[in-house]
C-alpha atoms as a PDB file:
ATOM      1  CA  MET A   1      26.697  25.545 -17.657  1.00  0.00           C
ATOM      2  CA  PRO A   2      25.599  22.006 -18.331  1.00  0.00           C
ATOM      3  CA  ARG A   3      24.104  20.166 -15.344  1.00  0.00           C
ATOM      4  CA  THR A   4      25.844  16.938 -14.378  1.00  0.00           C
ATOM      5  CA  GLU A   5      23.686  14.137 -13.345  1.00  0.00           C
ATOM      6  CA  THR A   6      24.531  12.603 -10.028  1.00  0.00           C
ATOM      7  CA  LYS A   7      24.760   8.870  -9.883  1.00  0.00           C
ATOM      8  CA  PRO A   8      22.433   7.179  -7.451  1.00  0.00           C
ATOM      9  CA  SER A   9      24.088   6.201  -4.193  1.00  0.00           C
ATOM     10  CA  ALA A  10      24.769   2.469  -3.473  1.00  0.00           C
ATOM     11  CA  ARG A  11      21.830   2.661  -0.965  1.00  0.00           C
ATOM     12  CA  GLU A  12      19.492   3.998  -3.590  1.00  0.00           C
ATOM     13  CA  ARG A  13      20.687   1.480  -6.235  1.00  0.00           C
ATOM     14  CA  ILE A  14      20.229  -1.330  -3.712  1.00  0.00           C
ATOM     15  CA  LEU A  15      16.762  -0.207  -2.810  1.00  0.00           C
ATOM     16  CA  ALA A  16      15.778   0.164  -6.425  1.00  0.00           C
ATOM     17  CA  ALA A  17      16.985  -3.384  -7.167  1.00  0.00           C
ATOM     18  CA  ALA A  18      15.187  -4.776  -4.136  1.00  0.00           C
ATOM     19  CA  ASN A  19      12.057  -2.959  -5.130  1.00  0.00           C
ATOM     20  CA  GLU A  20      11.999  -4.426  -8.630  1.00  0.00           C
ATOM     21  CA  LEU A  21      13.135  -7.853  -7.683  1.00  0.00           C
ATOM     22  CA  PHE A  22      11.250  -8.503  -4.382  1.00  0.00           C
ATOM     23  CA  TYR A  23       8.025  -7.151  -5.834  1.00  0.00           C
ATOM     24  CA  ARG A  24       8.314  -9.228  -9.076  1.00  0.00           C
ATOM     25  CA  GLU A  25       9.603 -12.473  -7.671  1.00  0.00           C
ATOM     26  CA  GLY A  26       9.203 -12.392  -3.844  1.00  0.00           C
ATOM     27  CA  VAL A  27      11.351 -11.673  -0.854  1.00  0.00           C
ATOM     28  CA  GLN A  28      12.368 -15.319  -0.217  1.00  0.00           C
ATOM     29  CA  THR A  29      13.112 -16.166  -3.895  1.00  0.00           C
ATOM     30  CA  VAL A  30      15.461 -13.360  -4.479  1.00  0.00           C
ATOM     31  CA  GLY A  31      18.864 -13.780  -2.871  1.00  0.00           C
ATOM     32  CA  ILE A  32      21.419 -11.131  -1.876  1.00  0.00           C
ATOM     33  CA  ASP A  33      23.639 -12.077  -4.815  1.00  0.00           C
ATOM     34  CA  ARG A  34      20.880 -11.167  -7.227  1.00  0.00           C
ATOM     35  CA  ILE A  35      20.281  -7.866  -5.435  1.00  0.00           C
ATOM     36  CA  ILE A  36      23.894  -6.841  -5.551  1.00  0.00           C
ATOM     37  CA  GLU A  37      24.436  -7.924  -9.106  1.00  0.00           C
ATOM     38  CA  HIS A  38      21.277  -5.967 -10.242  1.00  0.00           C
ATOM     39  CA  ALA A  39      22.369  -2.837  -8.151  1.00  0.00           C
ATOM     40  CA  GLY A  40      25.945  -3.133  -9.310  1.00  0.00           C
ATOM     41  CA  VAL A  41      27.391  -2.921  -5.848  1.00  0.00           C
ATOM     42  CA  ALA A  42      29.733  -5.051  -3.649  1.00  0.00           C
ATOM     43  CA  LYS A  43      28.143  -7.477  -1.124  1.00  0.00           C
ATOM     44  CA  ALA A  44      30.016  -5.633   1.511  1.00  0.00           C
ATOM     45  CA  SER A  45      28.154  -2.461   0.546  1.00  0.00           C
ATOM     46  CA  LEU A  46      24.825  -4.002   1.090  1.00  0.00           C
ATOM     47  CA  TYR A  47      25.765  -5.437   4.585  1.00  0.00           C
ATOM     48  CA  ASN A  48      27.427  -2.257   5.637  1.00  0.00           C
ATOM     49  CA  ILE A  49      24.269  -0.263   4.657  1.00  0.00           C
ATOM     50  CA  PHE A  50      21.510  -2.657   5.695  1.00  0.00           C
ATOM     51  CA  GLY A  51      23.203  -5.200   7.909  1.00  0.00           C
ATOM     52  CA  SER A  52      21.001  -8.162   6.807  1.00  0.00           C
ATOM     53  CA  LYS A  53      18.537  -9.235   4.163  1.00  0.00           C
ATOM     54  CA  GLU A  54      15.701  -8.935   6.685  1.00  0.00           C
ATOM     55  CA  GLU A  55      16.556  -5.322   7.219  1.00  0.00           C
ATOM     56  CA  LEU A  56      16.661  -4.652   3.487  1.00  0.00           C
ATOM     57  CA  VAL A  57      13.221  -6.193   3.192  1.00  0.00           C
ATOM     58  CA  ARG A  58      11.921  -4.029   6.030  1.00  0.00           C
ATOM     59  CA  VAL A  59      13.324  -0.838   4.397  1.00  0.00           C
ATOM     60  CA  TYR A  60      11.931  -1.962   1.003  1.00  0.00           C
ATOM     61  CA  LEU A  61       8.363  -2.343   2.618  1.00  0.00           C
ATOM     62  CA  GLU A  62       8.702   1.025   4.388  1.00  0.00           C
ATOM     63  CA  SER A  63       9.428   2.685   1.065  1.00  0.00           C
ATOM     64  CA  ARG A  64       6.485   1.002  -0.477  1.00  0.00           C
ATOM     65  CA  HIS A  65       4.357   2.122   2.450  1.00  0.00           C
ATOM     66  CA  ALA A  66       5.545   5.728   1.914  1.00  0.00           C
ATOM     67  CA  SER A  67       4.799   5.724  -1.823  1.00  0.00           C
ATOM     68  CA  THR A  68       1.369   4.082  -1.306  1.00  0.00           C
ATOM     69  CA  THR A  69       0.495   6.772   1.342  1.00  0.00           C
ATOM     70  CA  GLU A  70       1.560   9.505  -1.095  1.00  0.00           C
ATOM     71  CA  ARG A  71      -0.312   8.027  -4.080  1.00  0.00           C
ATOM     72  CA  ILE A  72      -3.580   7.598  -2.013  1.00  0.00           C
ATOM     73  CA  THR A  73      -3.270  10.957  -0.344  1.00  0.00           C
ATOM     74  CA  ARG A  74      -2.757  12.581  -3.757  1.00  0.00           C
ATOM     75  CA  ALA A  75      -5.831  10.794  -5.204  1.00  0.00           C
ATOM     76  CA  MET A  76      -8.021  11.753  -2.278  1.00  0.00           C
ATOM     77  CA  ALA A  77      -7.012  15.479  -2.697  1.00  0.00           C
ATOM     78  CA  ARG A  78      -8.924  15.497  -5.986  1.00  0.00           C
ATOM     79  CA  PHE A  79     -12.267  15.001  -4.148  1.00  0.00           C
ATOM     80  CA  ARG A  80     -14.120  17.521  -1.941  1.00  0.00           C
ATOM     81  CA  THR A  81     -16.627  15.519   0.138  1.00  0.00           C
ATOM     82  CA  PRO A  82     -15.772  12.885   2.767  1.00  0.00           C
ATOM     83  CA  ARG A  83     -17.888  10.352   0.661  1.00  0.00           C
ATOM     84  CA  GLU A  84     -15.932  11.108  -2.486  1.00  0.00           C
ATOM     85  CA  ARG A  85     -12.605  10.875  -0.594  1.00  0.00           C
ATOM     86  CA  LEU A  86     -13.505   7.547   0.897  1.00  0.00           C
ATOM     87  CA  LEU A  87     -14.589   6.031  -2.409  1.00  0.00           C
ATOM     88  CA  GLY A  88     -11.537   7.734  -4.019  1.00  0.00           C
ATOM     89  CA  VAL A  89      -9.274   5.296  -2.158  1.00  0.00           C
ATOM     90  CA  PHE A  90     -10.712   2.603  -4.391  1.00  0.00           C
ATOM     91  CA  ASP A  91     -10.101   4.834  -7.457  1.00  0.00           C
ATOM     92  CA  ALA A  92      -6.405   5.086  -6.442  1.00  0.00           C
ATOM     93  CA  GLN A  93      -6.342   1.355  -6.016  1.00  0.00           C
ATOM     94  CA  GLY A  94      -7.869   0.885  -9.504  1.00  0.00           C
ATOM     95  CA  GLU A  95      -5.076   3.156 -10.984  1.00  0.00           C
ATOM     96  CA  LEU A  96      -2.558   0.721  -9.625  1.00  0.00           C
ATOM     97  CA  PHE A  97      -4.254  -2.265 -11.031  1.00  0.00           C
ATOM     98  CA  THR A  98      -4.042  -1.113 -14.501  1.00  0.00           C
ATOM     99  CA  ASP A  99      -0.192  -0.965 -14.242  1.00  0.00           C
ATOM    100  CA  PRO A 100       1.162  -3.904 -16.314  1.00  0.00           C
ATOM    101  CA  MET A 101       3.701  -4.509 -13.576  1.00  0.00           C
ATOM    102  CA  PHE A 102       0.990  -4.903 -10.832  1.00  0.00           C
ATOM    103  CA  ASN A 103       1.811  -8.120  -8.914  1.00  0.00           C
ATOM    104  CA  GLY A 104      -0.517  -7.919  -5.860  1.00  0.00           C
ATOM    105  CA  CYS A 105      -0.010  -6.374  -2.551  1.00  0.00           C
ATOM    106  CA  ALA A 106       3.718  -6.299  -1.590  1.00  0.00           C
ATOM    107  CA  PHE A 107       2.794  -6.381   2.109  1.00  0.00           C
ATOM    108  CA  VAL A 108       0.656  -9.571   1.952  1.00  0.00           C
ATOM    109  CA  ARG A 109       3.226 -11.213  -0.271  1.00  0.00           C
ATOM    110  CA  ALA A 110       6.175 -10.378   1.964  1.00  0.00           C
ATOM    111  CA  SER A 111       4.253 -11.209   5.160  1.00  0.00           C
ATOM    112  CA  ALA A 112       3.193 -14.635   3.804  1.00  0.00           C
ATOM    113  CA  GLU A 113       6.871 -15.450   3.108  1.00  0.00           C
ATOM    114  CA  THR A 114       8.242 -14.625   6.586  1.00  0.00           C
ATOM    115  CA  THR A 115       8.012 -15.959  10.081  1.00  0.00           C
ATOM    116  CA  HIS A 116       5.529 -14.801  12.617  1.00  0.00           C
ATOM    117  CA  GLY A 117       6.950 -12.058  14.627  1.00  0.00           C
ATOM    118  CA  SER A 118       9.528 -10.764  12.171  1.00  0.00           C
ATOM    119  CA  SER A 119      10.356  -7.261  11.595  1.00  0.00           C
ATOM    120  CA  VAL A 120       8.994  -7.737   8.014  1.00  0.00           C
ATOM    121  CA  GLU A 121       5.599  -8.856   9.489  1.00  0.00           C
ATOM    122  CA  HIS A 122       5.737  -5.850  11.775  1.00  0.00           C
ATOM    123  CA  VAL A 123       6.098  -3.420   8.901  1.00  0.00           C
ATOM    124  CA  ALA A 124       3.312  -5.157   6.953  1.00  0.00           C
ATOM    125  CA  ASP A 125       1.092  -4.953  10.147  1.00  0.00           C
ATOM    126  CA  GLY A 126       1.870  -1.160  10.253  1.00  0.00           C
ATOM    127  CA  TYR A 127       0.825  -0.704   6.758  1.00  0.00           C
ATOM    128  CA  ARG A 128      -2.443  -2.604   7.404  1.00  0.00           C
ATOM    129  CA  ALA A 129      -3.095  -0.461  10.502  1.00  0.00           C
ATOM    130  CA  TRP A 130      -2.507   2.625   8.385  1.00  0.00           C
ATOM    131  CA  VAL A 131      -5.141   1.500   5.782  1.00  0.00           C
ATOM    132  CA  ARG A 132      -7.654   0.614   8.653  1.00  0.00           C
ATOM    133  CA  ALA A 133      -6.984   4.072  10.296  1.00  0.00           C
ATOM    134  CA  LEU A 134      -7.532   5.781   6.999  1.00  0.00           C
ATOM    135  CA  PHE A 135     -10.870   4.172   6.364  1.00  0.00           C
ATOM    136  CA  THR A 136     -11.931   4.743   9.996  1.00  0.00           C
ATOM    137  CA  GLY A 137     -11.164   8.453   9.698  1.00  0.00           C
ATOM    138  CA  LEU A 138     -12.886   8.755   6.367  1.00  0.00           C
ATOM    139  CA  ALA A 139     -15.948   6.974   7.670  1.00  0.00           C
ATOM    140  CA  GLU A 140     -15.980   9.273  10.679  1.00  0.00           C
ATOM    141  CA  GLU A 141     -15.744  12.355   8.400  1.00  0.00           C
ATOM    142  CA  ALA A 142     -18.672  10.927   6.385  1.00  0.00           C
ATOM    143  CA  GLY A 143     -20.786  10.946   9.582  1.00  0.00           C
ATOM    144  CA  VAL A 144     -20.900   7.124  10.080  1.00  0.00           C
ATOM    145  CA  ALA A 145     -22.205   6.227  13.564  1.00  0.00           C
ATOM    146  CA  ASP A 146     -19.761   3.195  13.980  1.00  0.00           C
ATOM    147  CA  PRO A 147     -16.788   4.149  11.789  1.00  0.00           C
ATOM    148  CA  GLU A 148     -14.645   1.263  13.072  1.00  0.00           C
ATOM    149  CA  SER A 149     -17.100  -1.358  11.898  1.00  0.00           C
ATOM    150  CA  LEU A 150     -17.446   0.316   8.449  1.00  0.00           C
ATOM    151  CA  ALA A 151     -13.723   0.565   8.296  1.00  0.00           C
ATOM    152  CA  ARG A 152     -13.327  -3.186   8.844  1.00  0.00           C
ATOM    153  CA  GLN A 153     -15.727  -3.914   6.023  1.00  0.00           C
ATOM    154  CA  LEU A 154     -14.041  -1.508   3.674  1.00  0.00           C
ATOM    155  CA  HIS A 155     -10.616  -2.833   4.470  1.00  0.00           C
ATOM    156  CA  LEU A 156     -11.906  -6.375   3.565  1.00  0.00           C
ATOM    157  CA  LEU A 157     -13.210  -4.970   0.226  1.00  0.00           C
ATOM    158  CA  TYR A 158      -9.779  -3.218  -0.382  1.00  0.00           C
ATOM    159  CA  ASP A 159      -7.808  -6.411   0.367  1.00  0.00           C
ATOM    160  CA  GLY A 160     -10.290  -8.495  -1.639  1.00  0.00           C
ATOM    161  CA  ALA A 161      -9.986  -6.224  -4.682  1.00  0.00           C
ATOM    162  CA  GLY A 162      -6.211  -6.486  -4.634  1.00  0.00           C
ATOM    163  CA  LEU A 163      -6.329 -10.183  -4.412  1.00  0.00           C
ATOM    164  CA  SER A 164      -8.904 -10.443  -7.161  1.00  0.00           C
ATOM    165  CA  ALA A 165      -7.023  -7.981  -9.379  1.00  0.00           C
ATOM    166  CA  ARG A 166      -3.774 -10.063  -8.943  1.00  0.00           C
ATOM    167  CA  MET A 167      -5.211 -13.702  -9.107  1.00  0.00           C
ATOM    168  CA  ASP A 168      -7.814 -13.001 -11.793  1.00  0.00           C
ATOM    169  CA  ARG A 169      -5.853 -10.328 -13.684  1.00  0.00           C
ATOM    170  CA  ASP A 170      -8.867  -8.216 -13.421  1.00  0.00           C
ATOM    171  CA  PRO A 171      -8.223  -4.454 -13.025  1.00  0.00           C
ATOM    172  CA  SER A 172     -11.974  -3.804 -12.784  1.00  0.00           C
ATOM    173  CA  ALA A 173     -11.899  -5.364  -9.295  1.00  0.00           C
ATOM    174  CA  SER A 174     -11.556  -1.957  -7.857  1.00  0.00           C
ATOM    175  CA  THR A 175     -14.660  -0.729  -9.627  1.00  0.00           C
ATOM    176  CA  THR A 176     -16.662  -3.544  -8.061  1.00  0.00           C
ATOM    177  CA  ALA A 177     -15.112  -2.960  -4.696  1.00  0.00           C
ATOM    178  CA  ARG A 178     -15.955   0.753  -4.956  1.00  0.00           C
ATOM    179  CA  ALA A 179     -19.624   0.006  -5.802  1.00  0.00           C
ATOM    180  CA  ALA A 180     -19.786  -2.263  -2.786  1.00  0.00           C
ATOM    181  CA  ALA A 181     -18.160   0.376  -0.606  1.00  0.00           C
ATOM    182  CA  SER A 182     -20.670   2.849  -1.784  1.00  0.00           C
ATOM    183  CA  ALA A 183     -23.524   0.623  -0.952  1.00  0.00           C
ATOM    184  CA  LEU A 184     -22.074  -0.116   2.496  1.00  0.00           C
ATOM    185  CA  LEU A 185     -21.581   3.676   3.129  1.00  0.00           C
ATOM    186  CA  ASP A 186     -25.197   4.332   2.133  1.00  0.00           C
ATOM    187  CA  ALA A 187     -26.359   1.484   4.470  1.00  0.00           C
ATOM    188  CA  ALA A 188     -24.317   2.530   7.478  1.00  0.00           C
ATOM    189  CA  PRO A 189     -26.190   4.305  10.177  1.00  0.00           C
ATOM    190  CA  LYS A 190     -25.200   7.840  10.379  1.00  0.00           C
ATOM    191  CA  VAL A 191     -24.603  10.080  13.375  1.00  0.00           C
ATOM    192  CA  PRO A 192     -27.784  12.152  13.912  1.00  0.00           C
ATOM    193  CA  THR A 193     -27.351  15.805  12.929  1.00  0.00           C
ATOM    194  CA  GLN A 194     -28.430  18.230  15.579  1.00  0.00           C
ATOM    195  CA  ARG A 195     -31.057  20.694  14.579  1.00  0.00           C
ATOM    196  CA  ARG A 196     -29.981  24.297  14.716  1.00  0.00           C
ATOM    197  CA  SER A 197     -31.955  26.473  16.965  1.00  0.00           C
ATOM    198  CA  ASP A 198     -33.064  29.819  15.713  1.00  0.00           C
END
């Protein structure tokens, strides 16, 4: 029996349109009318589902956070050692930079376009906290004595690589950031290993 394809729901179509347009053009530049036209839904559908544009932007960023988390987790699974996993975050970032549609960090861009204290800024802050916690956990697994300090440094490299890749159109920024991360990891004091008693 032939399988019938189900048409995406109005919510899915709105989110797909928001993802494409907000990421390409910015959350303030793109109005609701453009979203509904692109999604092929009525304005009432958008407001019934999301309530407001700010809520749509918030959900858009949450979906980007989920896909980024999945992409980085998948990339880290290829590596066996804590060091390889930590540096693998930059490899995953580099894969994103080679995408012709890469347009910078969606969270930085959306946060820069909204007011302080907004729900959009809150979601962007949550993403940044996740990145920092990821680097902290990986630094701890790698035996670094002060994982929080190294995580702050790695986070700056991660952010800087994204900015450089976008502004300079330089996908190799992640390779440079990875090399710097490797040097920082090598230089970071390690937790002393206890000698085993026989």
